[in-house]
């Protein structure tokens, strides 16, 4: 708990408060509860997976030879390997 005093107002910061409590009458207190962290990239990744494969990690598109939940094509794996010097195989793209 961290307290800040400015004039007649007392600010109490409670980081792990489970329930909001009312202060005593006549006491000027503001409760600030820490918000849960937001994961914007998790939402984006889930949206991409839904559009590309309907969430199926074993999806395969025979027309494009795209595999996995993200529908990655062999040409993209080849490009990645050339740029990074790694040796990723298309079979690895089935793993989320």
PDB file of N, CA and C in Angstrom:
ATOM      1  N   UNK A   1       0.848  -1.163   0.000  1.00  0.00           N
ATOM      2  CA  UNK A   1       0.000   0.000   0.000  1.00  0.00           C
ATOM      3  C   UNK A   1       0.902   1.237   0.000  1.00  0.00           C
ATOM      4  N   UNK A   2       0.577   2.203  -0.852  1.00  0.00           N
ATOM      5  CA  UNK A   2       1.325   3.445  -0.965  1.00  0.00           C
ATOM      6  C   UNK A   2       0.384   4.583  -0.632  1.00  0.00           C
ATOM      7  N   UNK A   3       0.812   5.520   0.200  1.00  0.00           N
ATOM      8  CA  UNK A   3      -0.030   6.654   0.576  1.00  0.00           C
ATOM      9  C   UNK A   3       0.611   7.946   0.084  1.00  0.00           C
ATOM     10  N   UNK A   4      -0.211   8.833  -0.442  1.00  0.00           N
ATOM     11  CA  UNK A   4       0.223  10.154  -0.851  1.00  0.00           C
ATOM     12  C   UNK A   4      -0.685  11.157  -0.137  1.00  0.00           C
ATOM     13  N   UNK A   5      -0.123  12.209   0.432  1.00  0.00           N
ATOM     14  CA  UNK A   5      -0.937  13.198   1.132  1.00  0.00           C
ATOM     15  C   UNK A   5      -0.748  14.549   0.439  1.00  0.00           C
ATOM     16  N   UNK A   6      -1.872  15.139   0.053  1.00  0.00           N
ATOM     17  CA  UNK A   6      -1.829  16.448  -0.569  1.00  0.00           C
ATOM     18  C   UNK A   6      -3.010  17.248  -0.021  1.00  0.00           C
ATOM     19  N   UNK A   7      -2.758  18.261   0.753  1.00  0.00           N
ATOM     20  CA  UNK A   7      -3.824  19.058   1.359  1.00  0.00           C
ATOM     21  C   UNK A   7      -4.655  18.201   2.291  1.00  0.00           C
ATOM     22  N   UNK A   8      -5.980  18.240   2.126  1.00  0.00           N
ATOM     23  CA  UNK A   8      -6.892  17.476   2.974  1.00  0.00           C
ATOM     24  C   UNK A   8      -7.233  16.120   2.372  1.00  0.00           C
ATOM     25  N   UNK A   9      -6.776  15.843   1.166  1.00  0.00           N
ATOM     26  CA  UNK A   9      -7.137  14.599   0.473  1.00  0.00           C
ATOM     27  C   UNK A   9      -6.043  13.558   0.680  1.00  0.00           C
ATOM     28  N   UNK A  10      -6.439  12.376   1.019  1.00  0.00           N
ATOM     29  CA  UNK A  10      -5.509  11.268   1.205  1.00  0.00           C
ATOM     30  C   UNK A  10      -5.738  10.274   0.080  1.00  0.00           C
ATOM     31  N   UNK A  11      -4.708   9.958  -0.679  1.00  0.00           N
ATOM     32  CA  UNK A  11      -4.802   9.024  -1.795  1.00  0.00           C
ATOM     33  C   UNK A  11      -4.129   7.730  -1.386  1.00  0.00           C
ATOM     34  N   UNK A  12      -4.856   6.642  -1.424  1.00  0.00           N
ATOM     35  CA  UNK A  12      -4.312   5.339  -1.069  1.00  0.00           C
ATOM     36  C   UNK A  12      -4.334   4.473  -2.318  1.00  0.00           C
ATOM     37  N   UNK A  13      -3.194   3.935  -2.679  1.00  0.00           N
ATOM     38  CA  UNK A  13      -3.073   3.072  -3.841  1.00  0.00           C
ATOM     39  C   UNK A  13      -2.995   1.639  -3.358  1.00  0.00           C
ATOM     40  N   UNK A  14      -4.005   0.866  -3.682  1.00  0.00           N
ATOM     41  CA  UNK A  14      -4.051  -0.536  -3.292  1.00  0.00           C
ATOM     42  C   UNK A  14      -3.868  -1.390  -4.538  1.00  0.00           C
ATOM     43  N   UNK A  15      -2.779  -2.092  -4.627  1.00  0.00           N
ATOM     44  CA  UNK A  15      -2.485  -2.870  -5.826  1.00  0.00           C
ATOM     45  C   UNK A  15      -3.135  -4.241  -5.826  1.00  0.00           C
ATOM     46  N   UNK A  16      -3.438  -4.782  -4.673  1.00  0.00           N
ATOM     47  CA  UNK A  16      -4.009  -6.113  -4.648  1.00  0.00           C
ATOM     48  C   UNK A  16      -5.311  -6.140  -3.849  1.00  0.00           C
ATOM     49  N   UNK A  17      -6.138  -5.179  -4.077  1.00  0.00           N
ATOM     50  CA  UNK A  17      -7.404  -5.111  -3.354  1.00  0.00           C
ATOM     51  C   UNK A  17      -8.433  -5.968  -4.068  1.00  0.00           C
ATOM     52  N   UNK A  18      -9.060  -6.894  -3.357  1.00  0.00           N
ATOM     53  CA  UNK A  18      -9.991  -7.809  -4.005  1.00  0.00           C
ATOM     54  C   UNK A  18     -11.403  -7.268  -4.053  1.00  0.00           C
ATOM     55  N   UNK A  19     -11.808  -6.444  -3.128  1.00  0.00           N
ATOM     56  CA  UNK A  19     -13.155  -5.892  -3.111  1.00  0.00           C
ATOM     57  C   UNK A  19     -13.082  -4.411  -2.783  1.00  0.00           C
ATOM     58  N   UNK A  20     -13.984  -3.650  -3.365  1.00  0.00           N
ATOM     59  CA  UNK A  20     -14.027  -2.224  -3.085  1.00  0.00           C
ATOM     60  C   UNK A  20     -14.752  -1.997  -1.762  1.00  0.00           C
ATOM     61  N   UNK A  21     -14.147  -1.231  -0.898  1.00  0.00           N
ATOM     62  CA  UNK A  21     -14.727  -0.959   0.411  1.00  0.00           C
ATOM     63  C   UNK A  21     -15.012   0.532   0.529  1.00  0.00           C
ATOM     64  N   UNK A  22     -16.067   0.868   1.208  1.00  0.00           N
ATOM     65  CA  UNK A  22     -16.411   2.265   1.429  1.00  0.00           C
ATOM     66  C   UNK A  22     -15.651   2.783   2.637  1.00  0.00           C
ATOM     67  N   UNK A  23     -15.092   3.990   2.544  1.00  0.00           N
ATOM     68  CA  UNK A  23     -14.371   4.550   3.687  1.00  0.00           C
ATOM     69  C   UNK A  23     -15.348   5.076   4.734  1.00  0.00           C
ATOM     70  N   UNK A  24     -14.824   5.400   5.866  1.00  0.00           N
ATOM     71  CA  UNK A  24     -15.635   5.972   6.940  1.00  0.00           C
ATOM     72  C   UNK A  24     -16.177   7.324   6.499  1.00  0.00           C
ATOM     73  N   UNK A  25     -17.370   7.703   6.962  1.00  0.00           N
ATOM     74  CA  UNK A  25     -17.947   8.999   6.588  1.00  0.00           C
ATOM     75  C   UNK A  25     -17.004  10.142   6.965  1.00  0.00           C
ATOM     76  N   UNK A  26     -16.897  11.112   6.065  1.00  0.00           N
ATOM     77  CA  UNK A  26     -16.054  12.268   6.317  1.00  0.00           C
ATOM     78  C   UNK A  26     -14.599  12.076   5.938  1.00  0.00           C
ATOM     79  N   UNK A  27     -14.204  10.872   5.556  1.00  0.00           N
ATOM     80  CA  UNK A  27     -12.827  10.598   5.167  1.00  0.00           C
ATOM     81  C   UNK A  27     -12.726  10.667   3.647  1.00  0.00           C
ATOM     82  N   UNK A  28     -11.864  11.508   3.146  1.00  0.00           N
ATOM     83  CA  UNK A  28     -11.684  11.662   1.700  1.00  0.00           C
ATOM     84  C   UNK A  28     -10.635  10.654   1.224  1.00  0.00           C
ATOM     85  N   UNK A  29     -11.093   9.568   0.623  1.00  0.00           N
ATOM     86  CA  UNK A  29     -10.197   8.511   0.165  1.00  0.00           C
ATOM     87  C   UNK A  29     -10.566   8.136  -1.260  1.00  0.00           C
ATOM     88  N   UNK A  30      -9.568   7.915  -2.058  1.00  0.00           N
ATOM     89  CA  UNK A  30      -9.776   7.421  -3.420  1.00  0.00           C
ATOM     90  C   UNK A  30      -9.057   6.088  -3.525  1.00  0.00           C
ATOM     91  N   UNK A  31      -9.776   5.058  -3.953  1.00  0.00           N
ATOM     92  CA  UNK A  31      -9.179   3.749  -4.162  1.00  0.00           C
ATOM     93  C   UNK A  31      -8.866   3.584  -5.639  1.00  0.00           C
ATOM     94  N   UNK A  32      -7.655   3.202  -5.918  1.00  0.00           N
ATOM     95  CA  UNK A  32      -7.253   2.925  -7.293  1.00  0.00           C
ATOM     96  C   UNK A  32      -6.838   1.460  -7.345  1.00  0.00           C
ATOM     97  N   UNK A  33      -7.535   0.698  -8.143  1.00  0.00           N
ATOM     98  CA  UNK A  33      -7.249  -0.734  -8.266  1.00  0.00           C
ATOM     99  C   UNK A  33      -6.488  -0.948  -9.564  1.00  0.00           C
ATOM    100  N   UNK A  34      -5.382  -1.657  -9.492  1.00  0.00           N
ATOM    101  CA  UNK A  34      -4.575  -1.917 -10.674  1.00  0.00           C
ATOM    102  C   UNK A  34      -5.373  -2.753 -11.664  1.00  0.00           C
ATOM    103  N   UNK A  35      -5.364  -2.343 -12.916  1.00  0.00           N
ATOM    104  CA  UNK A  35      -6.093  -3.058 -13.967  1.00  0.00           C
ATOM    105  C   UNK A  35      -5.311  -4.276 -14.424  1.00  0.00           C
ATOM    106  N   UNK A  36      -6.038  -5.235 -14.963  1.00  0.00           N
ATOM    107  CA  UNK A  36      -5.398  -6.410 -15.552  1.00  0.00           C
ATOM    108  C   UNK A  36      -4.664  -5.983 -16.819  1.00  0.00           C
ATOM    109  N   UNK A  37      -3.508  -6.567 -17.102  1.00  0.00           N
ATOM    110  CA  UNK A  37      -2.785  -6.193 -18.314  1.00  0.00           C
ATOM    111  C   UNK A  37      -3.567  -6.595 -19.568  1.00  0.00           C
ATOM    112  N   UNK A  38      -3.439  -5.781 -20.598  1.00  0.00           N
ATOM    113  CA  UNK A  38      -4.108  -6.040 -21.870  1.00  0.00           C
ATOM    114  C   UNK A  38      -3.091  -6.650 -22.819  1.00  0.00           C
ATOM    115  N   UNK A  39      -3.500  -7.675 -23.532  1.00  0.00           N
ATOM    116  CA  UNK A  39      -2.622  -8.345 -24.498  1.00  0.00           C
ATOM    117  C   UNK A  39      -3.181  -8.125 -25.899  1.00  0.00           C
ATOM    118  N   UNK A  40      -2.872  -6.980 -26.537  1.00  0.00           N
ATOM    119  CA  UNK A  40      -3.455  -6.707 -27.847  1.00  0.00           C
ATOM    120  C   UNK A  40      -2.964  -7.662 -28.927  1.00  0.00           C
ATOM    121  N   UNK A  41      -1.749  -8.178 -28.780  1.00  0.00           N
ATOM    122  CA  UNK A  41      -1.231  -9.070 -29.799  1.00  0.00           C
ATOM    123  C   UNK A  41      -1.878 -10.446 -29.726  1.00  0.00           C
ATOM    124  N   UNK A  42      -2.280 -10.865 -28.542  1.00  0.00           N
ATOM    125  CA  UNK A  42      -2.991 -12.136 -28.406  1.00  0.00           C
ATOM    126  C   UNK A  42      -4.312 -12.113 -29.140  1.00  0.00           C
ATOM    127  N   UNK A  43      -5.019 -10.992 -29.053  1.00  0.00           N
ATOM    128  CA  UNK A  43      -6.284 -10.838 -29.766  1.00  0.00           C
ATOM    129  C   UNK A  43      -6.033 -10.853 -31.267  1.00  0.00           C
ATOM    130  N   UNK A  44      -4.991 -10.178 -31.720  1.00  0.00           N
ATOM    131  CA  UNK A  44      -4.653 -10.146 -33.148  1.00  0.00           C
ATOM    132  C   UNK A  44      -4.293 -11.528 -33.662  1.00  0.00           C
ATOM    133  N   UNK A  45      -3.467 -12.246 -32.923  1.00  0.00           N
ATOM    134  CA  UNK A  45      -3.056 -13.598 -33.329  1.00  0.00           C
ATOM    135  C   UNK A  45      -4.271 -14.520 -33.415  1.00  0.00           C
ATOM    136  N   UNK A  46      -5.161 -14.453 -32.429  1.00  0.00           N
ATOM    137  CA  UNK A  46      -6.363 -15.285 -32.469  1.00  0.00           C
ATOM    138  C   UNK A  46      -7.244 -14.946 -33.664  1.00  0.00           C
ATOM    139  N   UNK A  47      -7.338 -13.671 -34.019  1.00  0.00           N
ATOM    140  CA  UNK A  47      -8.128 -13.262 -35.177  1.00  0.00           C
ATOM    141  C   UNK A  47      -7.521 -13.807 -36.469  1.00  0.00           C
ATOM    142  N   UNK A  48      -6.203 -13.744 -36.593  1.00  0.00           N
ATOM    143  CA  UNK A  48      -5.532 -14.264 -37.789  1.00  0.00           C
ATOM    144  C   UNK A  48      -5.762 -15.761 -37.924  1.00  0.00           C
ATOM    145  N   UNK A  49      -5.637 -16.493 -36.835  1.00  0.00           N
ATOM    146  CA  UNK A  49      -5.836 -17.944 -36.851  1.00  0.00           C
ATOM    147  C   UNK A  49      -7.267 -18.283 -37.262  1.00  0.00           C
ATOM    148  N   UNK A  50      -8.235 -17.535 -36.767  1.00  0.00           N
ATOM    149  CA  UNK A  50      -9.634 -17.796 -37.118  1.00  0.00           C
ATOM    150  C   UNK A  50      -9.890 -17.557 -38.600  1.00  0.00           C
ATOM    151  N   UNK A  51      -9.312 -16.496 -39.155  1.00  0.00           N
ATOM    152  CA  UNK A  51      -9.517 -16.184 -40.569  1.00  0.00           C
ATOM    153  C   UNK A  51      -8.807 -17.199 -41.455  1.00  0.00           C
ATOM    154  N   UNK A  52      -7.591 -17.554 -41.112  1.00  0.00           N
ATOM    155  CA  UNK A  52      -6.788 -18.424 -41.970  1.00  0.00           C
ATOM    156  C   UNK A  52      -7.206 -19.887 -41.937  1.00  0.00           C
ATOM    157  N   UNK A  53      -7.504 -20.415 -40.744  1.00  0.00           N
ATOM    158  CA  UNK A  53      -7.732 -21.862 -40.643  1.00  0.00           C
ATOM    159  C   UNK A  53      -8.904 -22.254 -39.757  1.00  0.00           C
ATOM    160  N   UNK A  54      -9.697 -21.290 -39.323  1.00  0.00           N
ATOM    161  CA  UNK A  54     -10.792 -21.552 -38.375  1.00  0.00           C
ATOM    162  C   UNK A  54     -10.281 -22.207 -37.095  1.00  0.00           C
ATOM    163  N   UNK A  55      -9.038 -21.907 -36.733  1.00  0.00           N
ATOM    164  CA  UNK A  55      -8.459 -22.405 -35.488  1.00  0.00           C
ATOM    165  C   UNK A  55      -7.902 -23.811 -35.571  1.00  0.00           C
ATOM    166  N   UNK A  56      -7.819 -24.386 -36.750  1.00  0.00           N
ATOM    167  CA  UNK A  56      -7.327 -25.760 -36.913  1.00  0.00           C
ATOM    168  C   UNK A  56      -5.812 -25.760 -37.107  1.00  0.00           C
ATOM    169  N   UNK A  57      -5.037 -26.248 -36.120  1.00  0.00           N
ATOM    170  CA  UNK A  57      -3.574 -26.248 -36.270  1.00  0.00           C
ATOM    171  C   UNK A  57      -3.076 -27.267 -37.294  1.00  0.00           C
ATOM    172  N   UNK A  58      -3.925 -28.196 -37.692  1.00  0.00           N
ATOM    173  CA  UNK A  58      -3.530 -29.208 -38.683  1.00  0.00           C
ATOM    174  C   UNK A  58      -4.099 -28.914 -40.068  1.00  0.00           C
ATOM    175  N   UNK A  59      -4.544 -27.676 -40.295  1.00  0.00           N
ATOM    176  CA  UNK A  59      -5.145 -27.306 -41.581  1.00  0.00           C
ATOM    177  C   UNK A  59      -4.111 -27.403 -42.702  1.00  0.00           C
ATOM    178  N   UNK A  60      -4.608 -27.810 -43.890  1.00  0.00           N
ATOM    179  CA  UNK A  60      -3.762 -27.897 -45.088  1.00  0.00           C
ATOM    180  C   UNK A  60      -4.569 -27.437 -46.292  1.00  0.00           C
ATOM    181  N   UNK A  61      -4.016 -26.516 -47.062  1.00  0.00           N
ATOM    182  CA  UNK A  61      -4.648 -26.023 -48.274  1.00  0.00           C
ATOM    183  C   UNK A  61      -3.859 -26.569 -49.451  1.00  0.00           C
ATOM    184  N   UNK A  62      -4.447 -27.499 -50.190  1.00  0.00           N
ATOM    185  CA  UNK A  62      -3.718 -28.169 -51.273  1.00  0.00           C
ATOM    186  C   UNK A  62      -3.460 -27.239 -52.460  1.00  0.00           C
ATOM    187  N   UNK A  63      -4.304 -26.232 -52.694  1.00  0.00           N
ATOM    188  CA  UNK A  63      -4.080 -25.307 -53.818  1.00  0.00           C
ATOM    189  C   UNK A  63      -2.829 -24.461 -53.594  1.00  0.00           C
ATOM    190  N   UNK A  64      -2.630 -23.989 -52.376  1.00  0.00           N
ATOM    191  CA  UNK A  64      -1.483 -23.125 -52.073  1.00  0.00           C
ATOM    192  C   UNK A  64      -0.386 -23.849 -51.317  1.00  0.00           C
ATOM    193  N   UNK A  65      -0.633 -25.075 -50.927  1.00  0.00           N
ATOM    194  CA  UNK A  65       0.272 -25.871 -50.098  1.00  0.00           C
ATOM    195  C   UNK A  65       0.548 -25.170 -48.762  1.00  0.00           C
ATOM    196  N   UNK A  66      -0.433 -24.433 -48.275  1.00  0.00           N
ATOM    197  CA  UNK A  66      -0.299 -23.722 -47.007  1.00  0.00           C
ATOM    198  C   UNK A  66      -0.641 -24.669 -45.863  1.00  0.00           C
ATOM    199  N   UNK A  67       0.110 -24.566 -44.775  1.00  0.00           N
ATOM    200  CA  UNK A  67      -0.067 -25.501 -43.658  1.00  0.00           C
ATOM    201  C   UNK A  67      -0.236 -24.765 -42.336  1.00  0.00           C
ATOM    202  N   UNK A  68      -0.864 -25.446 -41.390  1.00  0.00           N
ATOM    203  CA  UNK A  68      -0.956 -24.981 -40.017  1.00  0.00           C
ATOM    204  C   UNK A  68      -2.042 -23.949 -39.778  1.00  0.00           C
ATOM    205  N   UNK A  69      -2.111 -23.510 -38.543  1.00  0.00           N
ATOM    206  CA  UNK A  69      -3.134 -22.555 -38.125  1.00  0.00           C
ATOM    207  C   UNK A  69      -2.985 -21.214 -38.838  1.00  0.00           C
ATOM    208  N   UNK A  70      -1.758 -20.847 -39.188  1.00  0.00           N
ATOM    209  CA  UNK A  70      -1.514 -19.565 -39.839  1.00  0.00           C
ATOM    210  C   UNK A  70      -1.452 -19.677 -41.360  1.00  0.00           C
ATOM    211  N   UNK A  71      -1.589 -20.889 -41.891  1.00  0.00           N
ATOM    212  CA  UNK A  71      -1.565 -21.137 -43.337  1.00  0.00           C
ATOM    213  C   UNK A  71      -0.308 -20.557 -43.980  1.00  0.00           C
ATOM    214  N   UNK A  72       0.828 -21.023 -43.515  1.00  0.00           N
ATOM    215  CA  UNK A  72       2.126 -20.569 -44.014  1.00  0.00           C
ATOM    216  C   UNK A  72       2.502 -21.399 -45.232  1.00  0.00           C
ATOM    217  N   UNK A  73       2.938 -20.719 -46.295  1.00  0.00           N
ATOM    218  CA  UNK A  73       3.297 -21.388 -47.549  1.00  0.00           C
ATOM    219  C   UNK A  73       4.790 -21.715 -47.588  1.00  0.00           C
ATOM    220  N   UNK A  74       5.156 -22.710 -48.374  1.00  0.00           N
ATOM    221  CA  UNK A  74       6.578 -23.095 -48.480  1.00  0.00           C
ATOM    222  C   UNK A  74       7.494 -21.948 -48.931  1.00  0.00           C
ATOM    223  N   UNK A  75       6.985 -21.069 -49.811  1.00  0.00           N
ATOM    224  CA  UNK A  75       7.826 -19.969 -50.284  1.00  0.00           C
ATOM    225  C   UNK A  75       8.185 -19.017 -49.142  1.00  0.00           C
ATOM    226  N   UNK A  76       7.283 -18.861 -48.176  1.00  0.00           N
ATOM    227  CA  UNK A  76       7.558 -17.990 -47.021  1.00  0.00           C
ATOM    228  C   UNK A  76       8.598 -18.632 -46.109  1.00  0.00           C
ATOM    229  N   UNK A  77       8.522 -19.943 -45.955  1.00  0.00           N
ATOM    230  CA  UNK A  77       9.521 -20.655 -45.143  1.00  0.00           C
ATOM    231  C   UNK A  77      10.893 -20.548 -45.808  1.00  0.00           C
ATOM    232  N   UNK A  78      10.935 -20.705 -47.137  1.00  0.00           N
ATOM    233  CA  UNK A  78      12.197 -20.584 -47.874  1.00  0.00           C
ATOM    234  C   UNK A  78      12.773 -19.178 -47.698  1.00  0.00           C
ATOM    235  N   UNK A  79      11.940 -18.155 -47.826  1.00  0.00           N
ATOM    236  CA  UNK A  79      12.378 -16.775 -47.651  1.00  0.00           C
ATOM    237  C   UNK A  79      12.913 -16.539 -46.235  1.00  0.00           C
ATOM    238  N   UNK A  80      12.199 -17.057 -45.239  1.00  0.00           N
ATOM    239  CA  UNK A  80      12.632 -16.913 -43.847  1.00  0.00           C
ATOM    240  C   UNK A  80      13.992 -17.569 -43.632  1.00  0.00           C
ATOM    241  N   UNK A  81      14.154 -18.773 -44.164  1.00  0.00           N
ATOM    242  CA  UNK A  81      15.423 -19.490 -44.015  1.00  0.00           C
ATOM    243  C   UNK A  81      16.571 -18.731 -44.678  1.00  0.00           C
ATOM    244  N   UNK A  82      16.326 -18.155 -45.847  1.00  0.00           N
ATOM    245  CA  UNK A  82      17.375 -17.402 -46.539  1.00  0.00           C
ATOM    246  C   UNK A  82      17.750 -16.129 -45.775  1.00  0.00           C
ATOM    247  N   UNK A  83      16.767 -15.472 -45.184  1.00  0.00           N
ATOM    248  CA  UNK A  83      17.035 -14.224 -44.471  1.00  0.00           C
ATOM    249  C   UNK A  83      17.723 -14.447 -43.126  1.00  0.00           C
ATOM    250  N   UNK A  84      17.409 -15.551 -42.473  1.00  0.00           N
ATOM    251  CA  UNK A  84      17.932 -15.768 -41.119  1.00  0.00           C
ATOM    252  C   UNK A  84      19.062 -16.782 -41.046  1.00  0.00           C
ATOM    253  N   UNK A  85      19.250 -17.568 -42.099  1.00  0.00           N
ATOM    254  CA  UNK A  85      20.264 -18.609 -42.067  1.00  0.00           C
ATOM    255  C   UNK A  85      19.830 -19.850 -41.311  1.00  0.00           C
ATOM    256  N   UNK A  86      18.560 -19.907 -40.946  1.00  0.00           N
ATOM    257  CA  UNK A  86      18.030 -21.081 -40.243  1.00  0.00           C
ATOM    258  C   UNK A  86      17.573 -22.121 -41.246  1.00  0.00           C
ATOM    259  N   UNK A  87      17.179 -23.272 -40.730  1.00  0.00           N
ATOM    260  CA  UNK A  87      16.723 -24.355 -41.599  1.00  0.00           C
ATOM    261  C   UNK A  87      15.374 -24.890 -41.111  1.00  0.00           C
ATOM    262  N   UNK A  88      14.380 -24.005 -41.075  1.00  0.00           N
ATOM    263  CA  UNK A  88      13.041 -24.393 -40.648  1.00  0.00           C
ATOM    264  C   UNK A  88      12.390 -25.192 -41.772  1.00  0.00           C
ATOM    265  N   UNK A  89      11.674 -26.233 -41.421  1.00  0.00           N
ATOM    266  CA  UNK A  89      10.970 -27.051 -42.403  1.00  0.00           C
ATOM    267  C   UNK A  89       9.480 -26.708 -42.377  1.00  0.00           C
ATOM    268  N   UNK A  90       8.812 -26.931 -43.480  1.00  0.00           N
ATOM    269  CA  UNK A  90       7.380 -26.617 -43.569  1.00  0.00           C
ATOM    270  C   UNK A  90       6.579 -27.424 -42.540  1.00  0.00           C
ATOM    271  N   UNK A  91       7.057 -28.585 -42.168  1.00  0.00           N
ATOM    272  CA  UNK A  91       6.371 -29.408 -41.170  1.00  0.00           C
ATOM    273  C   UNK A  91       6.314 -28.716 -39.801  1.00  0.00           C
ATOM    274  N   UNK A  92       7.300 -27.851 -39.534  1.00  0.00           N
ATOM    275  CA  UNK A  92       7.312 -27.108 -38.267  1.00  0.00           C
ATOM    276  C   UNK A  92       6.156 -26.119 -38.172  1.00  0.00           C
ATOM    277  N   UNK A  93       5.566 -25.755 -39.279  1.00  0.00           N
ATOM    278  CA  UNK A  93       4.484 -24.769 -39.290  1.00  0.00           C
ATOM    279  C   UNK A  93       3.160 -25.358 -38.799  1.00  0.00           C
ATOM    280  N   UNK A  94       3.091 -26.660 -38.596  1.00  0.00           N
ATOM    281  CA  UNK A  94       1.903 -27.252 -37.990  1.00  0.00           C
ATOM    282  C   UNK A  94       1.871 -26.975 -36.489  1.00  0.00           C
ATOM    283  N   UNK A  95       3.005 -26.689 -35.915  1.00  0.00           N
ATOM    284  CA  UNK A  95       3.084 -26.394 -34.485  1.00  0.00           C
ATOM    285  C   UNK A  95       2.711 -24.938 -34.261  1.00  0.00           C
ATOM    286  N   UNK A  96       1.725 -24.692 -33.445  1.00  0.00           N
ATOM    287  CA  UNK A  96       1.249 -23.340 -33.187  1.00  0.00           C
ATOM    288  C   UNK A  96       2.361 -22.487 -32.620  1.00  0.00           C
TER     289      UNK A  96
END
